[in-house]
């Protein structure tokens, strides 16, 4: 799958509504849509200036929709379309958010921590539309960087 626009990504994220998965080591089923919003909101609290990290938290949960199955395969499946639209760093964070024993850098550690916290957190993380501007900003930055290379 190739994501060609923020609108396509928003549609995919909206499709997470009502989709449930049992991601990660923590067990327990999570609503993918709420999980994505909560992960992004937690990252916004801890790293308010790092829009790419926040966006990685938002989009990391699309894997189960693209490829039902287990962890790493879902992360790989989500990383490529995300990378094309949102850039190399976001794609790498999405791919690496599923622990596989490899050492994690600080950003990946923060994403993994927020991912785990968002499974049990019960706060209102707002609505997806609140993230449209941030997604557009990161996508536009990636588009400009791609044009320069």
N, C-alpha and C. Protein backbone atom coordinates (compact mmCIF):
# COMPACT_ATOMS: atom_id res chain seq x y z
N UNK A 1 0.84 -1.19 0.00
CA UNK A 1 0.00 0.00 0.00
C UNK A 1 0.89 1.25 0.00
N UNK A 2 0.47 2.24 -0.74
CA UNK A 2 1.19 3.51 -0.76
C UNK A 2 0.25 4.61 -0.31
N UNK A 3 0.70 5.39 0.65
CA UNK A 3 -0.05 6.55 1.11
C UNK A 3 0.43 7.75 0.32
N UNK A 4 -0.48 8.38 -0.41
CA UNK A 4 -0.10 9.50 -1.26
C UNK A 4 -0.45 10.86 -0.68
N UNK A 5 -1.26 10.86 0.39
CA UNK A 5 -1.67 12.14 0.95
C UNK A 5 -2.04 11.99 2.42
N UNK A 6 -2.05 13.12 3.10
CA UNK A 6 -2.49 13.14 4.49
C UNK A 6 -3.95 12.69 4.56
N UNK A 7 -4.73 13.04 3.56
CA UNK A 7 -6.14 12.64 3.56
C UNK A 7 -6.28 11.11 3.56
N UNK A 8 -5.47 10.42 2.75
CA UNK A 8 -5.49 8.96 2.74
C UNK A 8 -5.08 8.40 4.11
N UNK A 9 -4.09 9.02 4.72
CA UNK A 9 -3.66 8.58 6.05
C UNK A 9 -4.75 8.82 7.08
N UNK A 10 -5.41 9.97 7.00
CA UNK A 10 -6.52 10.26 7.92
C UNK A 10 -7.63 9.21 7.76
N UNK A 11 -7.93 8.84 6.52
CA UNK A 11 -8.95 7.81 6.28
C UNK A 11 -8.54 6.49 6.93
N UNK A 12 -7.27 6.13 6.79
CA UNK A 12 -6.78 4.89 7.37
C UNK A 12 -6.84 4.96 8.90
N UNK A 13 -6.44 6.07 9.47
CA UNK A 13 -6.52 6.23 10.92
C UNK A 13 -7.96 6.19 11.41
N UNK A 14 -8.86 6.78 10.64
CA UNK A 14 -10.28 6.70 11.00
C UNK A 14 -10.80 5.27 10.93
N UNK A 15 -10.24 4.47 10.03
CA UNK A 15 -10.65 3.07 9.91
C UNK A 15 -10.24 2.27 11.14
N UNK A 16 -9.35 2.81 11.96
CA UNK A 16 -8.96 2.14 13.20
C UNK A 16 -10.08 2.19 14.25
N UNK A 17 -11.07 3.06 14.04
CA UNK A 17 -12.18 3.15 15.00
C UNK A 17 -12.87 1.79 15.08
N UNK A 18 -13.03 1.32 16.29
CA UNK A 18 -13.72 0.06 16.48
C UNK A 18 -12.87 -1.16 16.17
N UNK A 19 -11.63 -0.97 15.72
CA UNK A 19 -10.73 -2.10 15.48
C UNK A 19 -9.98 -2.38 16.78
N UNK A 20 -9.90 -3.63 17.11
CA UNK A 20 -9.25 -4.02 18.36
C UNK A 20 -8.06 -4.90 18.06
N UNK A 21 -7.07 -4.80 18.90
CA UNK A 21 -5.89 -5.65 18.76
C UNK A 21 -5.34 -5.94 20.14
N UNK A 22 -4.47 -6.92 20.21
CA UNK A 22 -3.80 -7.27 21.47
C UNK A 22 -2.30 -7.08 21.27
N UNK A 23 -1.89 -5.81 21.09
CA UNK A 23 -0.49 -5.55 20.78
C UNK A 23 0.42 -5.66 21.99
N UNK A 24 1.64 -6.00 21.74
CA UNK A 24 2.70 -5.87 22.73
C UNK A 24 2.66 -6.88 23.85
N UNK A 25 3.51 -6.65 24.81
CA UNK A 25 3.70 -7.57 25.91
C UNK A 25 2.67 -7.38 27.00
N UNK A 26 2.04 -6.21 27.05
CA UNK A 26 1.12 -5.91 28.13
C UNK A 26 -0.17 -6.70 28.07
N UNK A 27 -0.46 -7.32 26.93
CA UNK A 27 -1.69 -8.08 26.81
C UNK A 27 -2.89 -7.16 26.84
N UNK A 28 -4.07 -7.74 26.88
CA UNK A 28 -5.28 -6.95 26.91
C UNK A 28 -5.57 -6.31 25.57
N UNK A 29 -6.84 -6.31 25.22
CA UNK A 29 -7.23 -5.74 23.93
C UNK A 29 -7.31 -4.23 24.03
N UNK A 30 -6.90 -3.56 22.96
CA UNK A 30 -6.98 -2.10 22.92
C UNK A 30 -7.69 -1.67 21.65
N UNK A 31 -8.44 -0.59 21.76
CA UNK A 31 -9.05 0.05 20.60
C UNK A 31 -7.94 0.80 19.89
N UNK A 32 -7.67 0.43 18.65
CA UNK A 32 -6.53 0.99 17.93
C UNK A 32 -6.63 2.51 17.77
N UNK A 33 -7.83 3.01 17.53
CA UNK A 33 -8.01 4.45 17.32
C UNK A 33 -7.66 5.23 18.60
N UNK A 34 -8.24 4.81 19.73
CA UNK A 34 -7.95 5.49 20.99
C UNK A 34 -6.48 5.31 21.39
N UNK A 35 -5.97 4.12 21.12
CA UNK A 35 -4.56 3.84 21.44
C UNK A 35 -3.63 4.78 20.67
N UNK A 36 -3.91 4.98 19.39
CA UNK A 36 -3.10 5.88 18.57
C UNK A 36 -3.16 7.31 19.10
N UNK A 37 -4.35 7.78 19.40
CA UNK A 37 -4.51 9.15 19.91
C UNK A 37 -3.81 9.32 21.26
N UNK A 38 -3.94 8.34 22.13
CA UNK A 38 -3.32 8.45 23.45
C UNK A 38 -1.79 8.39 23.36
N UNK A 39 -1.27 7.52 22.49
CA UNK A 39 0.18 7.44 22.33
C UNK A 39 0.73 8.78 21.86
N UNK A 40 0.08 9.37 20.85
CA UNK A 40 0.52 10.66 20.32
C UNK A 40 0.41 11.76 21.38
N UNK A 41 -0.67 11.74 22.15
CA UNK A 41 -0.87 12.76 23.19
C UNK A 41 0.19 12.64 24.29
N UNK A 42 0.53 11.42 24.68
CA UNK A 42 1.59 11.23 25.68
C UNK A 42 2.92 11.76 25.17
N UNK A 43 3.21 11.52 23.90
CA UNK A 43 4.47 12.01 23.32
C UNK A 43 4.46 13.53 23.20
N UNK A 44 3.29 14.11 22.92
CA UNK A 44 3.20 15.58 22.86
C UNK A 44 3.50 16.18 24.23
N UNK A 45 3.08 15.50 25.29
CA UNK A 45 3.35 16.01 26.64
C UNK A 45 4.83 15.95 26.98
N UNK A 46 5.50 14.85 26.62
CA UNK A 46 6.89 14.68 27.00
C UNK A 46 7.88 15.33 26.04
N UNK A 47 7.50 15.45 24.76
CA UNK A 47 8.38 16.04 23.74
C UNK A 47 7.56 16.99 22.86
N UNK A 48 7.12 18.13 23.41
CA UNK A 48 6.22 19.02 22.68
C UNK A 48 6.77 19.57 21.37
N UNK A 49 8.07 19.68 21.22
CA UNK A 49 8.63 20.25 19.99
C UNK A 49 8.89 19.20 18.92
N UNK A 50 8.81 17.91 19.27
CA UNK A 50 9.18 16.85 18.34
C UNK A 50 7.95 16.31 17.61
N UNK A 51 7.56 17.01 16.56
CA UNK A 51 6.36 16.65 15.80
C UNK A 51 6.49 15.27 15.13
N UNK A 52 7.68 14.94 14.65
CA UNK A 52 7.86 13.64 13.99
C UNK A 52 7.65 12.49 14.97
N UNK A 53 8.14 12.63 16.18
CA UNK A 53 7.95 11.59 17.19
C UNK A 53 6.47 11.47 17.54
N UNK A 54 5.79 12.59 17.69
CA UNK A 54 4.35 12.56 17.99
C UNK A 54 3.58 11.86 16.87
N UNK A 55 3.91 12.19 15.63
CA UNK A 55 3.24 11.60 14.48
C UNK A 55 3.52 10.09 14.41
N UNK A 56 4.75 9.69 14.74
CA UNK A 56 5.06 8.26 14.77
C UNK A 56 4.17 7.55 15.78
N UNK A 57 3.94 8.20 16.92
CA UNK A 57 3.04 7.63 17.92
C UNK A 57 1.61 7.52 17.40
N UNK A 58 1.20 8.49 16.62
CA UNK A 58 -0.15 8.47 16.06
C UNK A 58 -0.34 7.37 15.03
N UNK A 59 0.64 7.18 14.17
CA UNK A 59 0.46 6.27 13.04
C UNK A 59 0.96 4.86 13.29
N UNK A 60 1.63 4.62 14.42
CA UNK A 60 2.20 3.29 14.65
C UNK A 60 1.15 2.19 14.71
N UNK A 61 -0.09 2.56 15.01
CA UNK A 61 -1.13 1.56 15.23
C UNK A 61 -1.84 1.09 13.95
N UNK A 62 -1.41 1.56 12.78
CA UNK A 62 -2.11 1.14 11.55
C UNK A 62 -1.70 -0.25 11.09
N UNK A 63 -0.62 -0.77 11.63
CA UNK A 63 -0.13 -2.08 11.22
C UNK A 63 -1.17 -3.20 11.26
N UNK A 64 -1.92 -3.33 12.36
CA UNK A 64 -2.91 -4.41 12.40
C UNK A 64 -3.99 -4.31 11.32
N UNK A 65 -4.28 -3.10 10.86
CA UNK A 65 -5.24 -2.96 9.77
C UNK A 65 -4.64 -3.41 8.44
N UNK A 66 -3.38 -3.08 8.25
CA UNK A 66 -2.71 -3.41 6.99
C UNK A 66 -2.31 -4.87 6.91
N UNK A 67 -1.96 -5.43 8.06
CA UNK A 67 -1.51 -6.82 8.07
C UNK A 67 -1.86 -7.46 9.42
N UNK A 68 -3.04 -8.06 9.50
CA UNK A 68 -3.39 -8.76 10.74
C UNK A 68 -2.34 -9.85 11.01
N UNK A 69 -1.94 -9.95 12.24
CA UNK A 69 -0.92 -10.93 12.58
C UNK A 69 -0.14 -10.49 13.79
N UNK A 70 1.13 -10.69 13.76
CA UNK A 70 1.95 -10.41 14.92
C UNK A 70 2.91 -9.25 14.71
N UNK A 71 3.23 -8.60 15.80
CA UNK A 71 4.12 -7.48 15.98
C UNK A 71 5.00 -6.98 14.86
N UNK A 72 6.15 -7.60 14.68
CA UNK A 72 7.16 -7.07 13.76
C UNK A 72 6.65 -7.01 12.33
N UNK A 73 5.86 -7.99 11.91
CA UNK A 73 5.33 -7.98 10.55
C UNK A 73 4.40 -6.79 10.35
N UNK A 74 3.61 -6.48 11.37
CA UNK A 74 2.72 -5.33 11.29
C UNK A 74 3.51 -4.04 11.25
N UNK A 75 4.54 -3.94 12.06
CA UNK A 75 5.36 -2.73 12.10
C UNK A 75 6.04 -2.51 10.75
N UNK A 76 6.58 -3.58 10.17
CA UNK A 76 7.22 -3.47 8.85
C UNK A 76 6.21 -3.04 7.80
N UNK A 77 5.02 -3.61 7.85
CA UNK A 77 3.98 -3.31 6.87
C UNK A 77 3.53 -1.85 6.97
N UNK A 78 3.51 -1.31 8.17
CA UNK A 78 3.09 0.08 8.38
C UNK A 78 4.21 1.07 8.05
N UNK A 79 5.46 0.65 8.26
CA UNK A 79 6.58 1.58 8.14
C UNK A 79 6.79 2.11 6.72
N UNK A 80 6.66 1.26 5.72
CA UNK A 80 6.95 1.68 4.35
C UNK A 80 5.99 2.75 3.83
N UNK A 81 4.67 2.56 3.92
CA UNK A 81 3.79 3.62 3.43
C UNK A 81 3.91 4.91 4.25
N UNK A 82 4.18 4.76 5.54
CA UNK A 82 4.35 5.93 6.40
C UNK A 82 5.62 6.68 6.01
N UNK A 83 6.70 5.95 5.74
CA UNK A 83 7.97 6.57 5.36
C UNK A 83 7.81 7.40 4.09
N UNK A 84 7.10 6.85 3.12
CA UNK A 84 6.93 7.56 1.85
C UNK A 84 6.25 8.91 2.05
N UNK A 85 5.29 8.97 2.96
CA UNK A 85 4.53 10.21 3.17
C UNK A 85 5.16 11.12 4.22
N UNK A 86 5.64 10.53 5.31
CA UNK A 86 6.04 11.32 6.46
C UNK A 86 7.55 11.35 6.72
N UNK A 87 8.32 10.60 5.95
CA UNK A 87 9.76 10.70 6.06
C UNK A 87 10.44 9.50 6.69
N UNK A 88 11.74 9.49 6.51
CA UNK A 88 12.58 8.37 6.95
C UNK A 88 12.52 8.17 8.47
N UNK A 89 12.61 9.26 9.23
CA UNK A 89 12.63 9.12 10.68
C UNK A 89 11.33 8.54 11.21
N UNK A 90 10.19 9.03 10.72
CA UNK A 90 8.90 8.51 11.18
C UNK A 90 8.78 7.03 10.81
N UNK A 91 9.16 6.68 9.58
CA UNK A 91 9.13 5.28 9.17
C UNK A 91 10.00 4.40 10.04
N UNK A 92 11.19 4.86 10.38
CA UNK A 92 12.10 4.08 11.22
C UNK A 92 11.54 3.91 12.63
N UNK A 93 10.91 4.94 13.16
CA UNK A 93 10.31 4.84 14.48
C UNK A 93 9.14 3.85 14.48
N UNK A 94 8.31 3.91 13.45
CA UNK A 94 7.18 2.98 13.35
C UNK A 94 7.70 1.54 13.24
N UNK A 95 8.70 1.34 12.42
CA UNK A 95 9.27 -0.01 12.26
C UNK A 95 9.87 -0.51 13.57
N UNK A 96 10.53 0.36 14.31
CA UNK A 96 11.24 -0.06 15.50
C UNK A 96 10.44 -0.05 16.79
N UNK A 97 9.17 0.35 16.74
CA UNK A 97 8.42 0.47 18.00
C UNK A 97 8.10 -0.87 18.63
N UNK A 98 8.16 -1.95 17.85
CA UNK A 98 7.93 -3.28 18.40
C UNK A 98 9.28 -3.81 18.88
N UNK A 99 9.42 -4.01 20.20
CA UNK A 99 10.72 -4.47 20.72
C UNK A 99 11.12 -5.81 20.11
N UNK A 100 12.34 -5.89 19.59
CA UNK A 100 12.82 -7.12 18.99
C UNK A 100 14.20 -7.49 19.55
N UNK A 101 14.56 -6.88 20.67
CA UNK A 101 15.85 -7.16 21.28
C UNK A 101 16.93 -6.24 20.85
N UNK A 102 16.73 -5.46 19.78
CA UNK A 102 17.78 -4.53 19.35
C UNK A 102 17.79 -3.32 20.29
N UNK A 103 18.97 -2.73 20.47
CA UNK A 103 19.02 -1.57 21.35
C UNK A 103 18.22 -0.41 20.76
N UNK A 104 17.60 0.34 21.64
CA UNK A 104 16.76 1.45 21.19
C UNK A 104 17.44 2.77 21.52
N UNK A 105 17.30 3.73 20.62
CA UNK A 105 17.79 5.07 20.94
C UNK A 105 16.74 5.75 21.82
N UNK A 106 17.03 6.96 22.25
CA UNK A 106 16.14 7.66 23.17
C UNK A 106 14.75 7.86 22.58
N UNK A 107 14.67 8.25 21.30
CA UNK A 107 13.36 8.48 20.68
C UNK A 107 12.54 7.19 20.62
N UNK A 108 13.17 6.11 20.25
CA UNK A 108 12.49 4.82 20.16
C UNK A 108 12.05 4.36 21.55
N UNK A 109 12.88 4.60 22.55
CA UNK A 109 12.51 4.25 23.92
C UNK A 109 11.29 5.04 24.37
N UNK A 110 11.26 6.32 24.02
CA UNK A 110 10.10 7.15 24.38
C UNK A 110 8.83 6.66 23.68
N UNK A 111 8.96 6.31 22.41
CA UNK A 111 7.81 5.80 21.67
C UNK A 111 7.31 4.50 22.29
N UNK A 112 8.22 3.60 22.60
CA UNK A 112 7.81 2.32 23.21
C UNK A 112 7.15 2.53 24.56
N UNK A 113 7.70 3.46 25.35
CA UNK A 113 7.12 3.74 26.66
C UNK A 113 5.72 4.32 26.52
N UNK A 114 5.54 5.27 25.61
CA UNK A 114 4.22 5.87 25.39
C UNK A 114 3.24 4.83 24.85
N UNK A 115 3.73 3.95 23.99
CA UNK A 115 2.91 2.87 23.44
C UNK A 115 2.37 1.99 24.57
N UNK A 116 3.23 1.63 25.51
CA UNK A 116 2.80 0.80 26.64
C UNK A 116 1.84 1.56 27.55
N UNK A 117 2.20 2.82 27.88
CA UNK A 117 1.33 3.62 28.77
C UNK A 117 -0.05 3.83 28.16
N UNK A 118 -0.10 4.01 26.85
CA UNK A 118 -1.38 4.29 26.19
C UNK A 118 -2.32 3.09 26.23
N UNK A 119 -1.80 1.90 26.47
CA UNK A 119 -2.65 0.70 26.56
C UNK A 119 -3.50 0.70 27.81
N UNK A 120 -2.98 1.32 28.87
CA UNK A 120 -3.70 1.30 30.14
C UNK A 120 -4.26 2.66 30.53
N UNK A 121 -3.82 3.70 29.84
CA UNK A 121 -4.27 5.06 30.16
C UNK A 121 -5.75 5.20 29.80
N UNK A 122 -6.46 5.94 30.61
CA UNK A 122 -7.89 6.12 30.36
C UNK A 122 -8.30 7.56 30.15
N UNK A 123 -7.38 8.40 29.71
CA UNK A 123 -7.70 9.82 29.55
C UNK A 123 -8.28 10.10 28.16
N UNK A 124 -8.96 11.24 28.05
CA UNK A 124 -9.51 11.68 26.76
C UNK A 124 -8.38 12.34 25.97
N UNK A 125 -8.03 11.73 24.85
CA UNK A 125 -6.90 12.22 24.05
C UNK A 125 -7.36 13.08 22.88
N UNK A 126 -8.57 13.54 22.89
CA UNK A 126 -9.04 14.40 21.81
C UNK A 126 -9.51 13.60 20.61
N UNK A 127 -9.50 14.27 19.47
CA UNK A 127 -10.00 13.65 18.24
C UNK A 127 -8.92 13.69 17.16
N UNK A 128 -9.07 12.80 16.21
CA UNK A 128 -8.08 12.69 15.15
C UNK A 128 -7.90 14.00 14.38
N UNK A 129 -8.97 14.70 14.14
CA UNK A 129 -8.90 15.94 13.36
C UNK A 129 -7.92 16.94 13.98
N UNK A 130 -7.72 16.86 15.31
CA UNK A 130 -6.76 17.74 15.98
C UNK A 130 -5.34 17.55 15.45
N UNK A 131 -5.07 16.40 14.83
CA UNK A 131 -3.73 16.06 14.36
C UNK A 131 -3.50 16.37 12.88
N UNK A 132 -4.54 16.79 12.17
CA UNK A 132 -4.40 17.02 10.73
C UNK A 132 -3.28 18.01 10.41
N UNK A 133 -3.24 19.14 11.10
CA UNK A 133 -2.24 20.17 10.82
C UNK A 133 -0.83 19.65 11.06
N UNK A 134 -0.64 18.88 12.13
CA UNK A 134 0.68 18.33 12.42
C UNK A 134 1.09 17.33 11.33
N UNK A 135 0.16 16.48 10.92
CA UNK A 135 0.44 15.53 9.84
C UNK A 135 0.81 16.26 8.55
N UNK A 136 0.06 17.31 8.24
CA UNK A 136 0.34 18.08 7.02
C UNK A 136 1.71 18.76 7.10
N UNK A 137 2.06 19.26 8.28
CA UNK A 137 3.37 19.90 8.47
C UNK A 137 4.51 18.90 8.25
N UNK A 138 4.41 17.72 8.86
CA UNK A 138 5.46 16.71 8.72
C UNK A 138 5.53 16.21 7.28
N UNK A 139 4.37 16.00 6.65
CA UNK A 139 4.36 15.54 5.26
C UNK A 139 4.96 16.59 4.34
N UNK A 140 4.64 17.86 4.56
CA UNK A 140 5.19 18.93 3.72
C UNK A 140 6.70 19.04 3.90
N UNK A 141 7.17 18.93 5.12
CA UNK A 141 8.61 18.97 5.39
C UNK A 141 9.31 17.81 4.67
N UNK A 142 8.72 16.62 4.73
CA UNK A 142 9.29 15.46 4.05
C UNK A 142 9.30 15.66 2.54
N UNK A 143 8.24 16.24 2.01
CA UNK A 143 8.14 16.48 0.56
C UNK A 143 9.23 17.45 0.10
N UNK A 144 9.45 18.50 0.89
CA UNK A 144 10.50 19.47 0.55
C UNK A 144 11.88 18.85 0.64
N UNK A 145 12.11 18.04 1.67
CA UNK A 145 13.42 17.40 1.81
C UNK A 145 13.65 16.43 0.66
N UNK A 146 12.62 15.71 0.25
CA UNK A 146 12.74 14.78 -0.87
C UNK A 146 13.05 15.49 -2.17
N UNK A 147 12.51 16.68 -2.32
CA UNK A 147 12.74 17.44 -3.56
C UNK A 147 14.18 17.95 -3.63
N UNK A 148 14.79 18.16 -2.47
CA UNK A 148 16.15 18.69 -2.42
C UNK A 148 17.17 17.61 -2.76
N UNK A 149 16.90 16.38 -2.32
CA UNK A 149 17.86 15.27 -2.53
C UNK A 149 18.12 14.96 -3.97
